[in-house]
Amino acid sequence: MTLTLELQKQKERTPVVAQTVFLGLGLALLLLAPLFFYPVFLMKILCFALFACAFNLLLGYTGLLSFGHAAFFGGAAYFTAHAVKEWGVPPELGILVGVFGAALLGAVIGFFAIRRQGIYFAMITLALAQMFYFFCLQAEFTHGEDGIQSVPRGHLLGFLDLSQSSNMYYFVLAVFVIGIAIIWRIINSPFGMILKSIRENETRAISLGYSVRNYKLAAFVMSAALTGLAGGLKALVFQFATLTDVGWQMSGEVILMTLLGGIGTLIGPLFGAALVVTLQNYLATSEFPVTIITGVVFMICVLLFRRGIVGEFYNSRLGRRLGFEHRHKH
């Protein structure tokens, strides 16, 4: 009996140890990555990885497909760039301005979108995001097609010069880790459990007495705010905000990143974002169109990895043994 209990404890301990080791290795790789790769390239991956993870909070854990997340990403980029350049606020406050603006925009768009389901929800988010795109095209503070250029990175907390790429990289990495930690906390909280129940069976969640519409709106606003965090970071990294950030193509890209990595997995969108950004970066100077190569990769992943790259690993024998079983049904 004692031996059986000991074996059971060891079996339960193995996934925790394995996940801790994977987490430690991941952080170590991110800390050492600037020694081997161009920092701006790495910062772009981190920004889009956070964007994809924030989007996955809505799609993978709530079951809501939004075609309008570019509005929050690009809107936050505009808000942060304007606040830092025109108002002269420090970068940390500029990013908070972007997060608050994206959350407010998410509350407005979400208020109308959550009243519908399925494709109708997706079309409403797309329509409202396109309205915001044309607002950005006409608004004076966005400078139209020129965008907001030469955004200063400033000094973090008044003393850390972010114009140096190494300082900026570790700042972006710190914000990325904080963002992922927030997402992890949300999906592993009682609130997150309710979101998953809504995703699996909305009718049953309603019958249990949950106000599904309020939970959907809360998830939508949280996803928009975290997307704004990524957008604000992106504006500081590249020092500009343009209409490309709010275009419908950006919404398509983040959907692609999430599908490639694995819907309903915490780190899947990170791998999807890294794959797409890497393809865009290294194929930009080649003779082959990047979109065609990305499309071919997407087709291969859909045919061979129906749950996404990370999702398939989670469902493999090794993944289950390490405690990474992927439970998403879609």
C-alpha atoms as a PDB file:
ATOM      1  CA  MET A   1       0.000   0.000   0.000  1.00  0.00           C
ATOM      2  CA  THR A   2       2.827   2.383   0.894  1.00  0.00           C
ATOM      3  CA  LEU A   3       4.629   1.576  -2.360  1.00  0.00           C
ATOM      4  CA  THR A   4       1.446   2.254  -4.352  1.00  0.00           C
ATOM      5  CA  LEU A   5       0.979   5.659  -2.715  1.00  0.00           C
ATOM      6  CA  GLU A   6       4.619   6.506  -3.350  1.00  0.00           C
ATOM      7  CA  LEU A   7       4.302   5.603  -7.039  1.00  0.00           C
ATOM      8  CA  GLN A   8       1.117   7.679  -7.307  1.00  0.00           C
ATOM      9  CA  LYS A   9       2.843  10.720  -5.764  1.00  0.00           C
ATOM     10  CA  GLN A  10       5.774  10.315  -8.122  1.00  0.00           C
ATOM     11  CA  LYS A  11       3.406  10.114 -11.097  1.00  0.00           C
ATOM     12  CA  GLU A  12       1.684  13.333 -10.019  1.00  0.00           C
ATOM     13  CA  ARG A  13       5.018  15.049  -9.400  1.00  0.00           C
ATOM     14  CA  THR A  14       6.442  14.271 -12.860  1.00  0.00           C
ATOM     15  CA  PRO A  15       4.264  16.746 -14.862  1.00  0.00           C
ATOM     16  CA  VAL A  16       5.026  19.571 -12.400  1.00  0.00           C
ATOM     17  CA  VAL A  17       8.772  18.940 -12.623  1.00  0.00           C
ATOM     18  CA  ALA A  18       8.646  18.649 -16.425  1.00  0.00           C
ATOM     19  CA  GLN A  19       6.659  21.867 -16.831  1.00  0.00           C
ATOM     20  CA  THR A  20       9.010  23.709 -14.454  1.00  0.00           C
ATOM     21  CA  VAL A  21      12.021  22.511 -16.453  1.00  0.00           C
ATOM     22  CA  PHE A  22      10.424  23.612 -19.739  1.00  0.00           C
ATOM     23  CA  LEU A  23       9.599  27.007 -18.239  1.00  0.00           C
ATOM     24  CA  GLY A  24      13.136  27.471 -16.961  1.00  0.00           C
ATOM     25  CA  LEU A  25      14.661  26.498 -20.299  1.00  0.00           C
ATOM     26  CA  GLY A  26      12.322  28.870 -22.131  1.00  0.00           C
ATOM     27  CA  LEU A  27      13.239  31.819 -19.921  1.00  0.00           C
ATOM     28  CA  ALA A  28      16.937  31.009 -20.232  1.00  0.00           C
ATOM     29  CA  LEU A  29      16.694  30.914 -24.024  1.00  0.00           C
ATOM     30  CA  LEU A  30      14.882  34.251 -24.107  1.00  0.00           C
ATOM     31  CA  LEU A  31      17.476  35.837 -21.820  1.00  0.00           C
ATOM     32  CA  LEU A  32      20.370  34.596 -23.972  1.00  0.00           C
ATOM     33  CA  ALA A  33      18.696  35.069 -27.365  1.00  0.00           C
ATOM     34  CA  PRO A  34      20.154  38.588 -28.043  1.00  0.00           C
ATOM     35  CA  LEU A  35      23.623  37.005 -28.109  1.00  0.00           C
ATOM     36  CA  PHE A  36      22.654  35.028 -31.227  1.00  0.00           C
ATOM     37  CA  PHE A  37      19.870  36.983 -32.964  1.00  0.00           C
ATOM     38  CA  TYR A  38      19.142  40.583 -33.919  1.00  0.00           C
ATOM     39  CA  PRO A  39      17.349  42.217 -30.941  1.00  0.00           C
ATOM     40  CA  VAL A  40      14.752  44.051 -33.050  1.00  0.00           C
ATOM     41  CA  PHE A  41      13.795  40.768 -34.725  1.00  0.00           C
ATOM     42  CA  LEU A  42      13.395  39.137 -31.306  1.00  0.00           C
ATOM     43  CA  MET A  43      11.337  42.065 -30.017  1.00  0.00           C
ATOM     44  CA  LYS A  44       9.009  41.778 -32.998  1.00  0.00           C
ATOM     45  CA  ILE A  45       8.473  38.090 -32.198  1.00  0.00           C
ATOM     46  CA  LEU A  46       7.709  38.897 -28.551  1.00  0.00           C
ATOM     47  CA  CYS A  47       5.237  41.653 -29.469  1.00  0.00           C
ATOM     48  CA  PHE A  48       3.329  39.461 -31.913  1.00  0.00           C
ATOM     49  CA  ALA A  49       3.527  36.462 -29.584  1.00  0.00           C
ATOM     50  CA  LEU A  50       1.837  38.506 -26.853  1.00  0.00           C
ATOM     51  CA  PHE A  51      -0.705  39.706 -29.434  1.00  0.00           C
ATOM     52  CA  ALA A  52      -1.477  36.101 -30.450  1.00  0.00           C
ATOM     53  CA  CYS A  53      -1.711  34.892 -26.844  1.00  0.00           C
ATOM     54  CA  ALA A  54      -4.126  37.725 -26.021  1.00  0.00           C
ATOM     55  CA  PHE A  55      -6.229  36.821 -29.047  1.00  0.00           C
ATOM     56  CA  ASN A  56      -6.164  33.162 -28.005  1.00  0.00           C
ATOM     57  CA  LEU A  57      -7.670  34.145 -24.650  1.00  0.00           C
ATOM     58  CA  LEU A  58     -10.804  35.040 -26.588  1.00  0.00           C
ATOM     59  CA  LEU A  59     -10.757  32.331 -29.272  1.00  0.00           C
ATOM     60  CA  GLY A  60      -9.166  29.378 -27.498  1.00  0.00           C
ATOM     61  CA  TYR A  61     -10.661  29.780 -24.030  1.00  0.00           C
ATOM     62  CA  THR A  62     -13.966  31.555 -24.693  1.00  0.00           C
ATOM     63  CA  GLY A  63     -14.759  30.250 -28.165  1.00  0.00           C
ATOM     64  CA  LEU A  64     -15.250  33.677 -29.772  1.00  0.00           C
ATOM     65  CA  LEU A  65     -13.664  34.281 -33.180  1.00  0.00           C
ATOM     66  CA  SER A  66     -12.923  37.979 -33.662  1.00  0.00           C
ATOM     67  CA  PHE A  67     -11.927  39.425 -37.043  1.00  0.00           C
ATOM     68  CA  GLY A  68     -11.324  42.864 -35.552  1.00  0.00           C
ATOM     69  CA  HIS A  69      -8.423  42.533 -33.108  1.00  0.00           C
ATOM     70  CA  ALA A  70      -6.248  44.721 -35.309  1.00  0.00           C
ATOM     71  CA  ALA A  71      -8.298  47.666 -34.044  1.00  0.00           C
ATOM     72  CA  PHE A  72      -7.001  47.114 -30.504  1.00  0.00           C
ATOM     73  CA  PHE A  73      -3.435  46.369 -31.608  1.00  0.00           C
ATOM     74  CA  GLY A  74      -3.172  49.316 -33.980  1.00  0.00           C
ATOM     75  CA  GLY A  75      -5.280  51.598 -31.806  1.00  0.00           C
ATOM     76  CA  ALA A  76      -2.963  51.072 -28.846  1.00  0.00           C
ATOM     77  CA  ALA A  77       0.034  51.673 -31.118  1.00  0.00           C
ATOM     78  CA  TYR A  78      -1.456  55.026 -32.159  1.00  0.00           C
ATOM     79  CA  PHE A  79      -2.400  55.999 -28.599  1.00  0.00           C
ATOM     80  CA  THR A  80       1.016  55.102 -27.202  1.00  0.00           C
ATOM     81  CA  ALA A  81       2.909  56.780 -30.044  1.00  0.00           C
ATOM     82  CA  HIS A  82       0.861  59.987 -29.732  1.00  0.00           C
ATOM     83  CA  ALA A  83       1.167  60.102 -25.938  1.00  0.00           C
ATOM     84  CA  VAL A  84       4.926  59.575 -25.978  1.00  0.00           C
ATOM     85  CA  LYS A  85       5.697  61.887 -28.895  1.00  0.00           C
ATOM     86  CA  GLU A  86       3.170  64.707 -28.483  1.00  0.00           C
ATOM     87  CA  TRP A  87       2.485  64.674 -24.740  1.00  0.00           C
ATOM     88  CA  GLY A  88       6.028  63.780 -23.726  1.00  0.00           C
ATOM     89  CA  VAL A  89       4.972  61.069 -21.257  1.00  0.00           C
ATOM     90  CA  PRO A  90       7.519  58.369 -20.251  1.00  0.00           C
ATOM     91  CA  PRO A  91       7.325  55.029 -22.109  1.00  0.00           C
ATOM     92  CA  GLU A  92       5.722  53.097 -19.236  1.00  0.00           C
ATOM     93  CA  LEU A  93       2.869  55.615 -19.016  1.00  0.00           C
ATOM     94  CA  GLY A  94       2.581  55.700 -22.798  1.00  0.00           C
ATOM     95  CA  ILE A  95       2.021  51.947 -22.850  1.00  0.00           C
ATOM     96  CA  LEU A  96      -0.607  52.267 -20.116  1.00  0.00           C
ATOM     97  CA  VAL A  97      -2.376  54.898 -22.233  1.00  0.00           C
ATOM     98  CA  GLY A  98      -2.416  52.391 -25.095  1.00  0.00           C
ATOM     99  CA  VAL A  99      -3.737  49.608 -22.852  1.00  0.00           C
ATOM    100  CA  PHE A 100      -6.484  51.820 -21.449  1.00  0.00           C
ATOM    101  CA  GLY A 101      -7.456  53.037 -24.938  1.00  0.00           C
ATOM    102  CA  ALA A 102      -7.592  49.466 -26.280  1.00  0.00           C
ATOM    103  CA  ALA A 103      -9.686  48.318 -23.301  1.00  0.00           C
ATOM    104  CA  LEU A 104     -12.132  51.182 -23.843  1.00  0.00           C
ATOM    105  CA  LEU A 105     -12.329  50.394 -27.540  1.00  0.00           C
ATOM    106  CA  GLY A 106     -12.840  46.723 -26.663  1.00  0.00           C
ATOM    107  CA  ALA A 107     -15.700  47.612 -24.328  1.00  0.00           C
ATOM    108  CA  VAL A 108     -17.454  49.558 -27.101  1.00  0.00           C
ATOM    109  CA  ILE A 109     -16.959  46.950 -29.842  1.00  0.00           C
ATOM    110  CA  GLY A 110     -17.635  44.052 -27.461  1.00  0.00           C
ATOM    111  CA  PHE A 111     -20.876  45.636 -26.233  1.00  0.00           C
ATOM    112  CA  PHE A 112     -22.347  45.319 -29.725  1.00  0.00           C
ATOM    113  CA  ALA A 113     -20.579  42.150 -30.885  1.00  0.00           C
ATOM    114  CA  ILE A 114     -21.459  39.796 -27.995  1.00  0.00           C
ATOM    115  CA  ARG A 115     -25.151  40.168 -28.789  1.00  0.00           C
ATOM    116  CA  ARG A 116     -24.602  37.769 -31.698  1.00  0.00           C
ATOM    117  CA  GLN A 117     -22.914  34.388 -32.063  1.00  0.00           C
ATOM    118  CA  GLY A 118     -20.804  32.532 -34.592  1.00  0.00           C
ATOM    119  CA  ILE A 119     -20.176  34.138 -37.963  1.00  0.00           C
ATOM    120  CA  TYR A 120     -22.402  37.087 -37.076  1.00  0.00           C
ATOM    121  CA  PHE A 121     -20.172  37.904 -34.103  1.00  0.00           C
ATOM    122  CA  ALA A 122     -17.087  37.697 -36.342  1.00  0.00           C
ATOM    123  CA  MET A 123     -18.632  39.943 -39.018  1.00  0.00           C
ATOM    124  CA  ILE A 124     -19.654  42.578 -36.467  1.00  0.00           C
ATOM    125  CA  THR A 125     -16.113  42.741 -35.075  1.00  0.00           C
ATOM    126  CA  LEU A 126     -14.744  43.046 -38.612  1.00  0.00           C
ATOM    127  CA  ALA A 127     -17.202  45.803 -39.552  1.00  0.00           C
ATOM    128  CA  LEU A 128     -16.541  47.857 -36.423  1.00  0.00           C
ATOM    129  CA  ALA A 129     -12.780  47.379 -36.791  1.00  0.00           C
ATOM    130  CA  GLN A 130     -12.983  48.658 -40.371  1.00  0.00           C
ATOM    131  CA  MET A 131     -14.906  51.695 -39.131  1.00  0.00           C
ATOM    132  CA  PHE A 132     -12.046  52.365 -36.717  1.00  0.00           C
ATOM    133  CA  TYR A 133      -9.580  51.914 -39.603  1.00  0.00           C
ATOM    134  CA  PHE A 134     -11.276  54.674 -41.584  1.00  0.00           C
ATOM    135  CA  PHE A 135     -11.379  56.827 -38.463  1.00  0.00           C
ATOM    136  CA  CYS A 136      -7.590  56.432 -38.189  1.00  0.00           C
ATOM    137  CA  LEU A 137      -7.278  57.293 -41.872  1.00  0.00           C
ATOM    138  CA  GLN A 138      -9.130  60.588 -41.373  1.00  0.00           C
ATOM    139  CA  ALA A 139      -8.167  61.581 -37.817  1.00  0.00           C
ATOM    140  CA  GLU A 140      -5.726  64.440 -37.436  1.00  0.00           C
ATOM    141  CA  PHE A 141      -3.633  62.948 -34.632  1.00  0.00           C
ATOM    142  CA  THR A 142      -2.833  59.791 -36.653  1.00  0.00           C
ATOM    143  CA  HIS A 143      -1.403  61.815 -39.596  1.00  0.00           C
ATOM    144  CA  GLY A 144      -3.358  59.747 -42.106  1.00  0.00           C
ATOM    145  CA  GLU A 145      -1.350  57.536 -44.458  1.00  0.00           C
ATOM    146  CA  ASP A 146       1.959  58.876 -43.095  1.00  0.00           C
ATOM    147  CA  GLY A 147       1.271  57.568 -39.595  1.00  0.00           C
ATOM    148  CA  ILE A 148       3.096  58.720 -36.479  1.00  0.00           C
ATOM    149  CA  GLN A 149       6.824  58.593 -37.201  1.00  0.00           C
ATOM    150  CA  SER A 150      10.001  59.024 -35.122  1.00  0.00           C
ATOM    151  CA  VAL A 151       8.426  58.025 -31.814  1.00  0.00           C
ATOM    152  CA  PRO A 152      11.062  58.415 -29.061  1.00  0.00           C
ATOM    153  CA  ARG A 153      11.606  55.380 -26.846  1.00  0.00           C
ATOM    154  CA  GLY A 154      12.530  57.616 -23.911  1.00  0.00           C
ATOM    155  CA  HIS A 155      13.879  56.535 -20.549  1.00  0.00           C
ATOM    156  CA  LEU A 156      12.192  53.839 -18.476  1.00  0.00           C
ATOM    157  CA  LEU A 157      11.432  55.127 -14.958  1.00  0.00           C
ATOM    158  CA  GLY A 158      13.480  58.188 -15.833  1.00  0.00           C
ATOM    159  CA  PHE A 159      16.931  56.586 -15.980  1.00  0.00           C
ATOM    160  CA  LEU A 160      17.083  53.464 -18.229  1.00  0.00           C
ATOM    161  CA  ASP A 161      17.788  54.561 -21.815  1.00  0.00           C
ATOM    162  CA  LEU A 162      15.535  52.499 -24.106  1.00  0.00           C
ATOM    163  CA  SER A 163      17.202  53.821 -27.259  1.00  0.00           C
ATOM    164  CA  GLN A 164      19.803  51.103 -26.670  1.00  0.00           C
ATOM    165  CA  SER A 165      18.545  47.871 -28.226  1.00  0.00           C
ATOM    166  CA  SER A 166      19.710  45.663 -25.359  1.00  0.00           C
ATOM    167  CA  ASN A 167      17.831  47.736 -22.758  1.00  0.00           C
ATOM    168  CA  MET A 168      14.748  47.830 -24.949  1.00  0.00           C
ATOM    169  CA  TYR A 169      14.840  44.060 -25.500  1.00  0.00           C
ATOM    170  CA  TYR A 170      14.862  43.199 -21.812  1.00  0.00           C
ATOM    171  CA  PHE A 171      12.112  45.744 -21.163  1.00  0.00           C
ATOM    172  CA  VAL A 172       9.983  44.104 -23.878  1.00  0.00           C
ATOM    173  CA  LEU A 173      10.809  40.671 -22.451  1.00  0.00           C
ATOM    174  CA  ALA A 174       9.755  41.758 -18.956  1.00  0.00           C
ATOM    175  CA  VAL A 175       6.434  43.124 -20.231  1.00  0.00           C
ATOM    176  CA  PHE A 176       5.921  39.959 -22.299  1.00  0.00           C
ATOM    177  CA  VAL A 177       6.457  37.725 -19.248  1.00  0.00           C
ATOM    178  CA  ILE A 178       4.058  39.871 -17.211  1.00  0.00           C
ATOM    179  CA  GLY A 179       1.442  39.654 -19.976  1.00  0.00           C
ATOM    180  CA  ILE A 180       1.745  35.864 -20.246  1.00  0.00           C
ATOM    181  CA  ALA A 181       1.559  35.558 -16.445  1.00  0.00           C
ATOM    182  CA  ILE A 182      -1.679  37.584 -16.446  1.00  0.00           C
ATOM    183  CA  ILE A 183      -3.159  35.348 -19.158  1.00  0.00           C
ATOM    184  CA  TRP A 184      -2.099  32.229 -17.234  1.00  0.00           C
ATOM    185  CA  ARG A 185      -3.720  33.576 -14.081  1.00  0.00           C
ATOM    186  CA  ILE A 186      -6.951  34.371 -15.913  1.00  0.00           C
ATOM    187  CA  ILE A 187      -7.342  30.955 -17.527  1.00  0.00           C
ATOM    188  CA  ASN A 188      -6.507  29.098 -14.288  1.00  0.00           C
ATOM    189  CA  SER A 189      -8.899  31.120 -12.131  1.00  0.00           C
ATOM    190  CA  PRO A 190     -12.580  30.356 -11.426  1.00  0.00           C
ATOM    191  CA  PHE A 191     -13.373  33.053 -14.007  1.00  0.00           C
ATOM    192  CA  GLY A 192     -11.310  31.127 -16.563  1.00  0.00           C
ATOM    193  CA  MET A 193     -13.138  27.908 -15.737  1.00  0.00           C
ATOM    194  CA  ILE A 194     -16.434  29.633 -16.473  1.00  0.00           C
ATOM    195  CA  LEU A 195     -15.074  30.896 -19.803  1.00  0.00           C
ATOM    196  CA  LYS A 196     -14.132  27.320 -20.725  1.00  0.00           C
ATOM    197  CA  SER A 197     -17.592  26.110 -19.773  1.00  0.00           C
ATOM    198  CA  ILE A 198     -19.110  28.777 -22.032  1.00  0.00           C
ATOM    199  CA  ARG A 199     -16.846  27.620 -24.848  1.00  0.00           C
ATOM    200  CA  GLU A 200     -17.838  23.971 -24.403  1.00  0.00           C
ATOM    201  CA  ASN A 201     -21.572  24.392 -23.806  1.00  0.00           C
ATOM    202  CA  GLU A 202     -23.007  27.899 -23.604  1.00  0.00           C
ATOM    203  CA  THR A 203     -26.583  26.684 -23.081  1.00  0.00           C
ATOM    204  CA  ARG A 204     -25.581  24.654 -20.058  1.00  0.00           C
ATOM    205  CA  ALA A 205     -23.640  27.594 -18.614  1.00  0.00           C
ATOM    206  CA  ILE A 206     -26.789  29.710 -18.903  1.00  0.00           C
ATOM    207  CA  SER A 207     -28.858  26.987 -17.230  1.00  0.00           C
ATOM    208  CA  LEU A 208     -26.389  26.985 -14.299  1.00  0.00           C
ATOM    209  CA  GLY A 209     -27.196  30.649 -13.708  1.00  0.00           C
ATOM    210  CA  TYR A 210     -24.161  32.359 -15.190  1.00  0.00           C
ATOM    211  CA  SER A 211     -24.610  35.687 -16.969  1.00  0.00           C
ATOM    212  CA  VAL A 212     -22.903  34.523 -20.151  1.00  0.00           C
ATOM    213  CA  ARG A 213     -23.126  37.884 -21.878  1.00  0.00           C
ATOM    214  CA  ASN A 214     -21.276  39.642 -19.044  1.00  0.00           C
ATOM    215  CA  TYR A 215     -18.554  36.982 -18.979  1.00  0.00           C
ATOM    216  CA  LYS A 216     -18.108  37.254 -22.735  1.00  0.00           C
ATOM    217  CA  LEU A 217     -17.818  41.032 -22.517  1.00  0.00           C
ATOM    218  CA  ALA A 218     -15.293  40.784 -19.683  1.00  0.00           C
ATOM    219  CA  ALA A 219     -13.190  38.300 -21.682  1.00  0.00           C
ATOM    220  CA  PHE A 220     -13.423  40.527 -24.752  1.00  0.00           C
ATOM    221  CA  VAL A 221     -12.220  43.591 -22.838  1.00  0.00           C
ATOM    222  CA  MET A 222      -9.381  41.646 -21.178  1.00  0.00           C
ATOM    223  CA  SER A 223      -8.263  40.307 -24.541  1.00  0.00           C
ATOM    224  CA  ALA A 224      -8.420  43.810 -26.031  1.00  0.00           C
ATOM    225  CA  ALA A 225      -6.398  45.298 -23.157  1.00  0.00           C
ATOM    226  CA  LEU A 226      -3.674  42.656 -23.436  1.00  0.00           C
ATOM    227  CA  THR A 227      -3.653  43.145 -27.208  1.00  0.00           C
ATOM    228  CA  GLY A 228      -3.186  46.847 -26.517  1.00  0.00           C
ATOM    229  CA  LEU A 229      -0.181  46.001 -24.365  1.00  0.00           C
ATOM    230  CA  ALA A 230       1.382  44.288 -27.386  1.00  0.00           C
ATOM    231  CA  GLY A 231       0.450  47.157 -29.698  1.00  0.00           C
ATOM    232  CA  GLY A 232       1.933  49.792 -27.400  1.00  0.00           C
ATOM    233  CA  LEU A 233       5.170  47.819 -27.147  1.00  0.00           C
ATOM    234  CA  LYS A 234       5.313  47.476 -30.928  1.00  0.00           C
ATOM    235  CA  ALA A 235       4.992  51.250 -31.380  1.00  0.00           C
ATOM    236  CA  LEU A 236       7.986  51.839 -29.096  1.00  0.00           C
ATOM    237  CA  VAL A 237      10.092  49.058 -30.617  1.00  0.00           C
ATOM    238  CA  PHE A 238       9.721  50.251 -34.212  1.00  0.00           C
ATOM    239  CA  GLN A 239       9.142  53.906 -33.249  1.00  0.00           C
ATOM    240  CA  PHE A 240       6.125  54.377 -35.508  1.00  0.00           C
ATOM    241  CA  ALA A 241       2.421  53.572 -35.821  1.00  0.00           C
ATOM    242  CA  THR A 242       0.775  53.269 -39.234  1.00  0.00           C
ATOM    243  CA  LEU A 243      -2.452  52.155 -40.890  1.00  0.00           C
ATOM    244  CA  THR A 244      -0.950  48.690 -41.406  1.00  0.00           C
ATOM    245  CA  ASP A 245      -1.403  48.087 -37.686  1.00  0.00           C
ATOM    246  CA  VAL A 246      -5.177  48.594 -37.885  1.00  0.00           C
ATOM    247  CA  GLY A 247      -5.808  46.922 -41.250  1.00  0.00           C
ATOM    248  CA  TRP A 248      -7.892  43.749 -41.545  1.00  0.00           C
ATOM    249  CA  GLN A 249      -4.781  41.904 -42.735  1.00  0.00           C
ATOM    250  CA  MET A 250      -3.336  42.247 -39.222  1.00  0.00           C
ATOM    251  CA  SER A 251      -6.397  40.499 -37.804  1.00  0.00           C
ATOM    252  CA  GLY A 252      -5.883  37.718 -40.335  1.00  0.00           C
ATOM    253  CA  GLU A 253      -2.241  37.335 -39.335  1.00  0.00           C
ATOM    254  CA  VAL A 254      -2.994  36.869 -35.655  1.00  0.00           C
ATOM    255  CA  ILE A 255      -5.654  34.251 -36.473  1.00  0.00           C
ATOM    256  CA  LEU A 256      -3.063  32.421 -38.593  1.00  0.00           C
ATOM    257  CA  MET A 257      -0.481  32.564 -35.783  1.00  0.00           C
ATOM    258  CA  THR A 258      -2.948  31.144 -33.271  1.00  0.00           C
ATOM    259  CA  LEU A 259      -4.099  28.330 -35.570  1.00  0.00           C
ATOM    260  CA  LEU A 260      -0.535  27.332 -36.438  1.00  0.00           C
ATOM    261  CA  GLY A 261       0.558  27.225 -32.796  1.00  0.00           C
ATOM    262  CA  GLY A 262      -2.534  25.598 -31.330  1.00  0.00           C
ATOM    263  CA  ILE A 263      -5.882  26.996 -30.221  1.00  0.00           C
ATOM    264  CA  GLY A 264      -6.548  26.684 -26.506  1.00  0.00           C
ATOM    265  CA  THR A 265      -2.892  26.254 -25.522  1.00  0.00           C
ATOM    266  CA  LEU A 266      -1.018  28.880 -23.539  1.00  0.00           C
ATOM    267  CA  ILE A 267       2.260  28.795 -25.464  1.00  0.00           C
ATOM    268  CA  GLY A 268       0.949  27.606 -28.841  1.00  0.00           C
ATOM    269  CA  PRO A 269       0.361  31.129 -30.215  1.00  0.00           C
ATOM    270  CA  LEU A 270       3.918  32.015 -29.176  1.00  0.00           C
ATOM    271  CA  PHE A 271       5.306  29.336 -31.505  1.00  0.00           C
ATOM    272  CA  GLY A 272       2.864  30.314 -34.238  1.00  0.00           C
ATOM    273  CA  ALA A 273       3.905  33.962 -34.007  1.00  0.00           C
ATOM    274  CA  ALA A 274       7.608  33.017 -34.040  1.00  0.00           C
ATOM    275  CA  LEU A 275       7.062  30.901 -37.166  1.00  0.00           C
ATOM    276  CA  VAL A 276       5.140  33.566 -39.103  1.00  0.00           C
ATOM    277  CA  VAL A 277       7.463  36.441 -38.129  1.00  0.00           C
ATOM    278  CA  THR A 278      10.528  34.349 -38.974  1.00  0.00           C
ATOM    279  CA  LEU A 279       9.124  33.494 -42.403  1.00  0.00           C
ATOM    280  CA  GLN A 280       8.317  37.149 -43.056  1.00  0.00           C
ATOM    281  CA  ASN A 281      11.757  38.262 -41.930  1.00  0.00           C
ATOM    282  CA  TYR A 282      13.928  35.771 -43.806  1.00  0.00           C
ATOM    283  CA  LEU A 283      11.825  35.553 -46.960  1.00  0.00           C
ATOM    284  CA  ALA A 284      11.370  39.312 -47.354  1.00  0.00           C
ATOM    285  CA  THR A 285      14.416  39.590 -49.627  1.00  0.00           C
ATOM    286  CA  SER A 286      13.794  36.362 -51.544  1.00  0.00           C
ATOM    287  CA  GLU A 287      12.129  36.031 -54.935  1.00  0.00           C
ATOM    288  CA  PHE A 288       9.200  34.055 -53.525  1.00  0.00           C
ATOM    289  CA  PRO A 289       6.165  35.972 -52.208  1.00  0.00           C
ATOM    290  CA  VAL A 290       5.992  35.659 -48.419  1.00  0.00           C
ATOM    291  CA  THR A 291       2.217  35.212 -48.434  1.00  0.00           C
ATOM    292  CA  ILE A 292       2.438  32.167 -50.717  1.00  0.00           C
ATOM    293  CA  ILE A 293       5.081  30.491 -48.549  1.00  0.00           C
ATOM    294  CA  THR A 294       3.069  31.275 -45.409  1.00  0.00           C
ATOM    295  CA  GLY A 295      -0.030  29.829 -47.073  1.00  0.00           C
ATOM    296  CA  VAL A 296       1.791  26.619 -47.984  1.00  0.00           C
ATOM    297  CA  VAL A 297       3.081  26.267 -44.409  1.00  0.00           C
ATOM    298  CA  PHE A 298      -0.448  26.838 -43.121  1.00  0.00           C
ATOM    299  CA  MET A 299      -1.840  24.150 -45.461  1.00  0.00           C
ATOM    300  CA  ILE A 300       0.806  21.658 -44.318  1.00  0.00           C
ATOM    301  CA  CYS A 301       0.076  22.379 -40.666  1.00  0.00           C
ATOM    302  CA  VAL A 302      -3.678  22.034 -41.189  1.00  0.00           C
ATOM    303  CA  LEU A 303      -3.208  18.673 -42.942  1.00  0.00           C
ATOM    304  CA  LEU A 304      -0.579  17.235 -40.590  1.00  0.00           C
ATOM    305  CA  PHE A 305      -1.143  19.131 -37.311  1.00  0.00           C
ATOM    306  CA  ARG A 306      -4.885  19.664 -37.004  1.00  0.00           C
ATOM    307  CA  ARG A 307      -4.573  20.864 -33.408  1.00  0.00           C
ATOM    308  CA  GLY A 308      -1.629  23.124 -34.226  1.00  0.00           C
ATOM    309  CA  ILE A 309       2.042  22.407 -33.632  1.00  0.00           C
ATOM    310  CA  VAL A 310       1.918  22.669 -29.839  1.00  0.00           C
ATOM    311  CA  GLY A 311      -1.560  21.130 -29.667  1.00  0.00           C
ATOM    312  CA  GLU A 312      -0.333  17.985 -31.425  1.00  0.00           C
ATOM    313  CA  PHE A 313       2.634  17.763 -29.064  1.00  0.00           C
ATOM    314  CA  TYR A 314       0.286  18.051 -26.082  1.00  0.00           C
ATOM    315  CA  ASN A 315      -1.770  15.131 -27.426  1.00  0.00           C
ATOM    316  CA  SER A 316       1.228  12.963 -28.230  1.00  0.00           C
ATOM    317  CA  ARG A 317       2.280  10.151 -25.905  1.00  0.00           C
ATOM    318  CA  LEU A 318       5.276  12.174 -24.696  1.00  0.00           C
ATOM    319  CA  GLY A 319       3.139  15.262 -24.143  1.00  0.00           C
ATOM    320  CA  ARG A 320       0.572  13.376 -22.069  1.00  0.00           C
ATOM    321  CA  ARG A 321       3.319  11.741 -20.022  1.00  0.00           C
ATOM    322  CA  LEU A 322       4.781  15.156 -19.263  1.00  0.00           C
ATOM    323  CA  GLY A 323       1.391  16.502 -18.213  1.00  0.00           C
ATOM    324  CA  PHE A 324       0.726  18.688 -21.267  1.00  0.00           C
ATOM    325  CA  GLU A 325      -2.468  17.015 -22.429  1.00  0.00           C
ATOM    326  CA  HIS A 326      -4.454  19.318 -24.707  1.00  0.00           C
ATOM    327  CA  ARG A 327      -8.123  19.252 -23.723  1.00  0.00           C
ATOM    328  CA  HIS A 328      -9.560  21.680 -26.273  1.00  0.00           C
ATOM    329  CA  LYS A 329     -12.304  19.967 -28.239  1.00  0.00           C
ATOM    330  CA  HIS A 330     -12.489  22.234 -31.293  1.00  0.00           C
END
